[in-house]
Amino acid sequence: MSELVITATLMRGGTSKGVFLRASDLPDEGPARDQIILALLGSPDPMQINGLGGTHSSTSKLVAVSPSDDPDSDIDYLFAQIAIDEPTVDYQGNCGNLTTAVAPFAIDEGLVPVEGDLATLTVRNLNTGVRIRSSVPLQDGRSSVEGDLSIAGVPGTGPAITTDYLDPGGSVLAGALPTGNVRDRIDLADGTSIDVSIMDVTSPHVYVRAVDVDSADLDRLEMIRSACAAAVSLNSLAIPRLVIIGPGTDEAADLEGKAVSMQRIHHAFPMTGALCTAAAALIEGTLAHEASTYRGEGPIRLRHPKGVVEVRADVEGQTVRSVGVTRTARRLLRGDAYVVVP
């Protein structure tokens, strides 16, 4: 075994928390990089007691950030979803909540020059190739920690950080509607079948009606998710995520949803899921559109287990031009991480 010392930052972005590193502090793609990430987070172990993971899919994440060599981007970042009780590092999707924290991290690390009261950067997600325009309030040359924005699922208030995903359809699969259909009938391993909508906007997601499933039956939910993954030739524990969708039950929300993340019900809602759901709600024929009461202008309001999130979407027909959201983020800790690699 060997011990590595890596400068790490623990950041909250939206309703997720993850370990942020400079990409140059990790090896290139391969088993050595995965071993370091697993050891750093403390997986596999349900408590992640020997690492920095937080024992939940929302807190078992890593983001590696670097200046971009792409002329159309300022910053590149790679997202990793780390399984908790399996030795698996999944790079096939993105985390919309932690995306909110990418530009603040880059600014505070000095990876990109900024000035004034507001920095607007273009960040490129290396998992999907999608570019995100991120606007970050500044204070004394750093990302601000002050603000009056409150988001459901996070105590207190923080600075309003906007992220707009540009041309986000087909981030992993072949377009926003990877099967070519707004809904499909999927056969399951137990001999039953179910209506689904499969979409890929910022990240692949599968939509099922709330009346068609039991959210407590995680085995059946995984059966549905994995069948849809096979239908679009994906082999991943993380994507497509499953979203249980239904109409809003009060005037404060246009839709209600629960999301399944890494075979558990998400405590709030993955932000890539909220972004994809907003786009789905505007595409006629999808299960999200069927459930939605939204027929006007302004943001789409999605109720989740912790409250309501408002999401922007620019959709024409079945073409998704952009989706966006305003969230908060904050640096929690920065220091040396001591990583023992087998």
Protein backbone atom coordinates (compact mmCIF):
# COMPACT_ATOMS: atom_id res chain seq x y z
CA MET A 1 0.00 0.00 0.00
CA SER A 2 1.04 3.61 -0.54
CA GLU A 3 -0.11 6.93 0.89
CA LEU A 4 -0.85 9.92 -1.33
CA VAL A 5 -1.40 13.49 -0.15
CA ILE A 6 -3.90 15.38 -2.33
CA THR A 7 -5.20 18.91 -1.80
CA ALA A 8 -8.95 18.53 -1.69
CA THR A 9 -11.90 20.86 -1.24
CA LEU A 10 -15.27 19.83 0.11
CA MET A 11 -18.01 21.85 -1.56
CA ARG A 12 -21.76 21.98 -1.43
CA GLY A 13 -23.54 22.66 -4.69
CA GLY A 14 -27.33 22.84 -4.54
CA THR A 15 -28.49 19.85 -2.49
CA SER A 16 -25.36 17.77 -3.14
CA LYS A 17 -21.90 17.72 -1.58
CA GLY A 18 -18.70 16.45 -3.13
CA VAL A 19 -14.92 16.40 -3.16
CA PHE A 20 -13.37 18.86 -5.63
CA LEU A 21 -9.81 18.49 -6.93
CA ARG A 22 -7.58 20.01 -9.55
CA ALA A 23 -7.62 17.52 -12.41
CA SER A 24 -3.81 17.64 -12.52
CA ASP A 25 -3.73 15.95 -9.10
CA LEU A 26 -5.26 12.75 -10.51
CA PRO A 27 -3.75 10.22 -12.93
CA ASP A 28 -5.11 9.90 -16.43
CA GLU A 29 -8.14 7.71 -17.09
CA GLY A 30 -7.70 4.12 -15.96
CA PRO A 31 -7.69 1.74 -12.97
CA ALA A 32 -5.12 3.79 -11.02
CA ARG A 33 -7.37 6.85 -11.07
CA ASP A 34 -10.40 4.81 -10.00
CA GLN A 35 -8.48 3.24 -7.11
CA ILE A 36 -7.47 6.66 -5.82
CA ILE A 37 -11.03 7.99 -6.06
CA LEU A 38 -12.49 4.95 -4.29
CA ALA A 39 -9.91 5.24 -1.50
CA LEU A 40 -10.46 8.99 -1.19
CA LEU A 41 -14.23 8.56 -0.76
CA GLY A 42 -13.93 5.39 1.36
CA SER A 43 -15.73 2.95 -0.93
CA PRO A 44 -16.77 0.19 -0.86
CA ASP A 45 -18.20 0.53 2.64
CA PRO A 46 -21.77 1.44 3.68
CA MET A 47 -20.40 4.03 6.11
CA GLN A 48 -17.47 5.19 3.95
CA ILE A 49 -15.80 5.43 7.34
CA ASN A 50 -12.25 5.47 5.95
CA GLY A 51 -12.83 8.27 3.47
CA LEU A 52 -14.58 11.54 2.70
CA GLY A 53 -17.85 10.15 1.30
CA GLY A 54 -21.08 10.94 3.10
CA THR A 55 -22.82 7.52 2.82
CA HIS A 56 -25.47 8.82 0.41
CA SER A 57 -25.55 9.09 -3.37
CA SER A 58 -25.84 12.89 -3.00
CA THR A 59 -22.60 13.05 -1.01
CA SER A 60 -20.53 10.32 -2.67
CA LYS A 61 -19.27 12.39 -5.58
CA LEU A 62 -16.07 13.85 -6.97
CA VAL A 63 -15.36 16.67 -9.42
CA ALA A 64 -11.98 17.23 -11.11
CA VAL A 65 -11.54 20.74 -12.54
CA SER A 66 -8.99 22.29 -14.90
CA PRO A 67 -8.57 25.27 -17.23
CA SER A 68 -10.02 24.37 -20.61
CA ASP A 69 -8.04 23.83 -23.82
CA ASP A 70 -11.25 24.40 -25.76
CA PRO A 71 -11.44 27.91 -27.28
CA ASP A 72 -15.17 28.07 -26.52
CA SER A 73 -14.80 27.18 -22.82
CA ASP A 74 -13.05 28.63 -19.78
CA ILE A 75 -13.14 25.61 -17.50
CA ASP A 76 -13.39 21.83 -17.95
CA TYR A 77 -14.68 19.46 -15.30
CA LEU A 78 -15.08 15.71 -14.96
CA PHE A 79 -17.79 14.34 -12.66
CA ALA A 80 -17.56 10.98 -10.93
CA GLN A 81 -20.41 9.23 -9.10
CA ILE A 82 -18.90 6.80 -6.59
CA ALA A 83 -20.91 3.78 -5.50
CA ILE A 84 -21.02 3.39 -1.73
CA ASP A 85 -21.01 -0.36 -1.17
CA GLU A 86 -19.45 -1.40 -4.50
CA PRO A 87 -16.01 -0.60 -5.96
CA THR A 88 -17.52 1.36 -8.84
CA VAL A 89 -16.74 4.82 -10.21
CA ASP A 90 -19.26 5.93 -12.85
CA TYR A 91 -18.41 8.71 -15.32
CA GLN A 92 -21.38 8.34 -17.66
CA GLY A 93 -23.47 11.26 -16.46
CA ASN A 94 -23.29 14.62 -14.75
CA CYS A 95 -24.44 16.21 -11.50
CA GLY A 96 -26.44 19.38 -11.98
CA ASN A 97 -26.22 20.34 -8.32
CA LEU A 98 -22.43 20.13 -8.17
CA THR A 99 -22.18 21.87 -11.54
CA THR A 100 -23.31 24.97 -9.63
CA ALA A 101 -20.10 24.74 -7.58
CA VAL A 102 -17.66 24.27 -10.49
CA ALA A 103 -17.18 27.94 -11.43
CA PRO A 104 -16.91 29.09 -7.77
CA PHE A 105 -14.26 26.42 -7.17
CA ALA A 106 -12.32 27.44 -10.28
CA ILE A 107 -12.45 31.11 -9.27
CA ASP A 108 -11.31 30.48 -5.70
CA GLU A 109 -8.49 28.20 -6.90
CA GLY A 110 -7.23 30.89 -9.28
CA LEU A 111 -7.79 28.68 -12.33
CA VAL A 112 -9.42 31.53 -14.24
CA PRO A 113 -8.98 35.34 -14.00
CA VAL A 114 -12.01 37.35 -12.84
CA GLU A 115 -12.81 40.95 -11.97
CA GLY A 116 -15.76 43.08 -10.94
CA ASP A 117 -18.88 41.98 -9.11
CA LEU A 118 -19.99 39.14 -11.40
CA ALA A 119 -18.07 36.51 -13.36
CA THR A 120 -19.72 34.72 -16.27
CA LEU A 121 -17.79 31.64 -17.34
CA THR A 122 -18.39 28.86 -19.83
CA VAL A 123 -17.68 25.49 -18.28
CA ARG A 124 -17.54 22.26 -20.25
CA ASN A 125 -18.66 18.98 -18.75
CA LEU A 126 -16.23 16.33 -20.01
CA ASN A 127 -18.66 13.48 -19.27
CA THR A 128 -21.23 14.73 -21.75
CA GLY A 129 -19.58 17.48 -23.81
CA VAL A 130 -22.35 19.91 -22.80
CA ARG A 131 -21.31 23.52 -22.17
CA ILE A 132 -22.82 25.48 -19.30
CA ARG A 133 -22.84 29.24 -18.91
CA SER A 134 -22.34 29.96 -15.20
CA SER A 135 -22.70 33.40 -13.58
CA VAL A 136 -21.15 33.79 -10.12
CA PRO A 137 -21.37 36.82 -7.80
CA LEU A 138 -17.92 38.01 -6.68
CA GLN A 139 -16.58 39.64 -3.55
CA ASP A 140 -12.95 40.79 -3.29
CA GLY A 141 -11.91 38.67 -6.26
CA ARG A 142 -13.43 35.46 -4.92
CA SER A 143 -16.81 33.82 -5.24
CA SER A 144 -19.20 35.48 -2.84
CA VAL A 145 -20.53 33.61 0.17
CA GLU A 146 -23.27 36.16 0.84
CA GLY A 147 -26.72 36.24 -0.68
CA ASP A 148 -30.41 36.00 0.06
CA LEU A 149 -31.37 33.05 -2.15
CA SER A 150 -32.96 30.14 -0.31
CA ILE A 151 -33.35 26.75 -2.00
CA ALA A 152 -35.44 23.81 -0.84
CA GLY A 153 -33.37 21.24 1.01
CA VAL A 154 -30.57 23.58 2.15
CA PRO A 155 -30.69 25.56 5.41
CA GLY A 156 -30.01 29.28 5.26
CA THR A 157 -29.35 31.47 2.24
CA GLY A 158 -26.53 32.00 -0.23
CA PRO A 159 -25.44 33.75 -3.44
CA ALA A 160 -27.59 33.28 -6.56
CA ILE A 161 -25.51 31.28 -9.07
CA THR A 162 -27.12 30.71 -12.45
CA THR A 163 -26.27 27.79 -14.73
CA ASP A 164 -27.64 27.56 -18.26
CA TYR A 165 -26.99 24.36 -20.21
CA LEU A 166 -26.56 25.13 -23.90
CA ASP A 167 -27.87 22.68 -26.52
CA PRO A 168 -28.19 19.96 -23.84
CA GLY A 169 -30.08 17.32 -25.82
CA GLY A 170 -28.26 14.06 -26.47
CA SER A 171 -25.62 14.49 -23.77
CA VAL A 172 -24.92 10.74 -23.71
CA LEU A 173 -27.38 9.17 -26.12
CA ALA A 174 -28.68 9.94 -29.61
CA GLY A 175 -30.63 13.14 -29.01
CA ALA A 176 -33.18 14.40 -26.52
CA LEU A 177 -35.48 11.48 -27.45
CA PRO A 178 -32.99 8.64 -27.91
CA THR A 179 -35.58 6.02 -28.92
CA GLY A 180 -37.17 8.43 -31.37
CA ASN A 181 -40.43 8.24 -29.39
CA VAL A 182 -42.03 10.49 -26.80
CA ARG A 183 -43.11 7.35 -24.96
CA ASP A 184 -42.40 3.63 -25.17
CA ARG A 185 -43.90 0.43 -23.79
CA ILE A 186 -41.09 -1.50 -22.07
CA ASP A 187 -41.26 -5.22 -21.26
CA LEU A 188 -39.90 -6.15 -17.84
CA ALA A 189 -38.18 -9.24 -16.48
CA ASP A 190 -41.23 -10.21 -14.40
CA GLY A 191 -43.39 -10.53 -17.52
CA THR A 192 -45.20 -7.21 -17.12
CA SER A 193 -44.77 -4.06 -19.17
CA ILE A 194 -44.98 -0.34 -18.43
CA ASP A 195 -45.25 2.99 -20.25
CA VAL A 196 -42.12 5.14 -20.03
CA SER A 197 -40.64 8.25 -21.59
CA ILE A 198 -36.87 8.08 -22.10
CA MET A 199 -35.13 11.43 -22.48
CA ASP A 200 -31.57 12.68 -22.54
CA VAL A 201 -31.35 16.37 -21.67
CA THR A 202 -28.20 17.14 -19.62
CA SER A 203 -28.25 13.44 -18.66
CA PRO A 204 -30.44 10.40 -19.52
CA HIS A 205 -33.65 9.95 -17.53
CA VAL A 206 -36.63 7.59 -17.58
CA TYR A 207 -40.10 8.84 -16.63
CA VAL A 208 -42.86 6.65 -15.20
CA ARG A 209 -46.30 7.63 -13.94
CA ALA A 210 -46.64 7.78 -10.16
CA VAL A 211 -49.88 5.77 -10.43
CA ASP A 212 -48.04 2.92 -12.19
CA VAL A 213 -45.38 2.24 -9.54
CA ASP A 214 -44.81 1.88 -5.80
CA SER A 215 -41.96 4.17 -4.78
CA ALA A 216 -41.16 1.86 -1.84
CA ASP A 217 -40.54 -1.11 -4.16
CA LEU A 218 -36.92 -0.32 -5.01
CA ASP A 219 -36.34 -3.71 -6.64
CA ARG A 220 -39.11 -3.13 -9.18
CA LEU A 221 -37.95 0.44 -9.79
CA GLU A 222 -34.47 -0.88 -10.56
CA MET A 223 -36.01 -3.53 -12.84
CA ILE A 224 -37.69 -0.73 -14.81
CA ARG A 225 -34.57 1.44 -14.88
CA SER A 226 -32.27 -1.37 -15.97
CA ALA A 227 -34.69 -2.47 -18.71
CA CYS A 228 -34.71 1.06 -20.08
CA ALA A 229 -30.92 1.20 -19.82
CA ALA A 230 -30.70 -1.94 -21.93
CA ALA A 231 -33.17 -0.47 -24.43
CA VAL A 232 -30.77 2.42 -25.11
CA SER A 233 -27.58 0.31 -24.81
CA LEU A 234 -26.40 1.72 -21.49
CA ASN A 235 -24.57 -0.33 -18.85
CA SER A 236 -24.48 1.93 -15.80
CA LEU A 237 -25.65 1.90 -12.19
CA ALA A 238 -26.12 5.66 -12.32
CA ILE A 239 -27.88 6.39 -15.60
CA PRO A 240 -30.49 6.58 -16.82
CA ARG A 241 -32.00 7.83 -13.59
CA LEU A 242 -35.62 6.96 -12.95
CA VAL A 243 -38.12 9.75 -12.25
CA ILE A 244 -41.57 9.04 -10.82
CA ILE A 245 -43.76 11.85 -12.14
CA GLY A 246 -47.24 13.12 -11.38
CA PRO A 247 -49.30 16.32 -11.56
CA GLY A 248 -48.87 19.07 -9.02
CA THR A 249 -51.36 18.81 -6.18
CA ASP A 250 -51.45 22.52 -5.35
CA GLU A 251 -51.02 25.87 -7.07
CA ALA A 252 -47.36 26.13 -6.04
CA ALA A 253 -46.15 23.41 -8.45
CA ASP A 254 -46.77 22.33 -12.04
CA LEU A 255 -45.42 18.81 -11.46
CA GLU A 256 -44.46 16.54 -8.61
CA GLY A 257 -41.61 14.07 -8.82
CA LYS A 258 -39.41 11.65 -6.97
CA ALA A 259 -36.10 10.54 -8.41
CA VAL A 260 -34.18 7.32 -7.90
CA SER A 261 -30.42 7.79 -7.62
CA MET A 262 -28.08 4.80 -7.26
CA GLN A 263 -31.00 2.53 -6.32
CA ARG A 264 -32.33 4.82 -3.60
CA ILE A 265 -35.02 7.50 -3.55
CA HIS A 266 -33.19 10.83 -3.77
CA HIS A 267 -33.61 12.95 -0.65
CA ALA A 268 -34.44 15.99 -2.81
CA PHE A 269 -34.04 15.86 -6.62
CA PRO A 270 -30.97 15.55 -8.86
CA MET A 271 -30.62 18.85 -10.69
CA THR A 272 -29.92 17.21 -14.04
CA GLY A 273 -33.22 15.44 -13.42
CA ALA A 274 -35.04 18.70 -12.76
CA LEU A 275 -33.54 20.23 -15.91
CA CYS A 276 -34.51 17.22 -18.02
CA THR A 277 -37.99 17.19 -16.47
CA ALA A 278 -38.57 20.83 -17.38
CA ALA A 279 -37.69 20.09 -21.00
CA ALA A 280 -39.84 16.93 -20.98
CA ALA A 281 -42.80 18.88 -19.64
CA LEU A 282 -42.67 21.08 -22.76
CA ILE A 283 -42.48 18.24 -25.30
CA GLU A 284 -45.96 17.11 -26.22
CA GLY A 285 -46.65 13.41 -25.67
CA THR A 286 -44.11 12.66 -22.94
CA LEU A 287 -45.34 11.39 -19.59
CA ALA A 288 -44.01 14.57 -17.98
CA HIS A 289 -46.04 16.69 -20.42
CA GLU A 290 -49.09 14.52 -19.74
CA ALA A 291 -48.75 15.12 -15.98
CA SER A 292 -47.83 18.80 -16.13
CA THR A 293 -50.30 21.59 -15.48
CA TYR A 294 -47.81 24.13 -16.90
CA ARG A 295 -49.14 25.85 -19.99
CA GLY A 296 -47.81 29.39 -19.60
CA GLU A 297 -44.60 31.39 -19.43
CA GLY A 298 -41.86 31.59 -16.83
CA PRO A 299 -40.10 28.79 -14.99
CA ILE A 300 -41.52 25.31 -14.56
CA ARG A 301 -42.12 24.53 -10.90
CA LEU A 302 -41.27 21.00 -9.79
CA ARG A 303 -42.20 19.79 -6.32
CA HIS A 304 -39.84 17.20 -4.81
CA PRO A 305 -39.50 15.67 -1.32
CA LYS A 306 -37.76 18.79 0.07
CA GLY A 307 -39.81 21.52 -1.61
CA VAL A 308 -40.15 23.22 -5.00
CA VAL A 309 -37.46 24.04 -7.56
CA GLU A 310 -38.00 26.44 -10.47
CA VAL A 311 -36.36 25.50 -13.78
CA ARG A 312 -36.01 27.43 -17.03
CA ALA A 313 -36.41 25.67 -20.38
CA ASP A 314 -36.28 26.90 -23.97
CA VAL A 315 -37.91 24.24 -26.16
CA GLU A 316 -39.24 24.40 -29.71
CA GLY A 317 -41.09 21.30 -30.80
CA GLN A 318 -38.76 18.47 -29.81
CA THR A 319 -35.61 20.63 -29.91
CA VAL A 320 -34.20 21.70 -26.56
CA ARG A 321 -32.19 24.89 -26.96
CA SER A 322 -31.29 25.37 -23.32
CA VAL A 323 -32.28 24.59 -19.76
CA GLY A 324 -31.22 26.45 -16.66
CA VAL A 325 -31.57 26.88 -12.93
CA THR A 326 -30.45 29.22 -10.17
CA ARG A 327 -28.87 27.58 -7.12
CA THR A 328 -26.41 28.30 -4.32
CA ALA A 329 -22.99 26.79 -3.59
CA ARG A 330 -20.39 27.12 -0.87
CA ARG A 331 -16.86 25.99 -0.08
CA LEU A 332 -16.93 24.03 3.19
CA LEU A 333 -13.35 22.87 3.74
CA ARG A 334 -9.98 22.83 1.99
CA GLY A 335 -6.91 20.88 3.05
CA ASP A 336 -4.74 17.83 2.61
CA ALA A 337 -6.46 14.49 2.07
CA TYR A 338 -4.37 11.44 3.00
CA VAL A 339 -5.25 8.63 0.65
CA VAL A 340 -4.09 5.06 1.26
CA VAL A 341 -4.23 3.13 -2.01
CA PRO A 342 -4.15 -0.69 -1.91
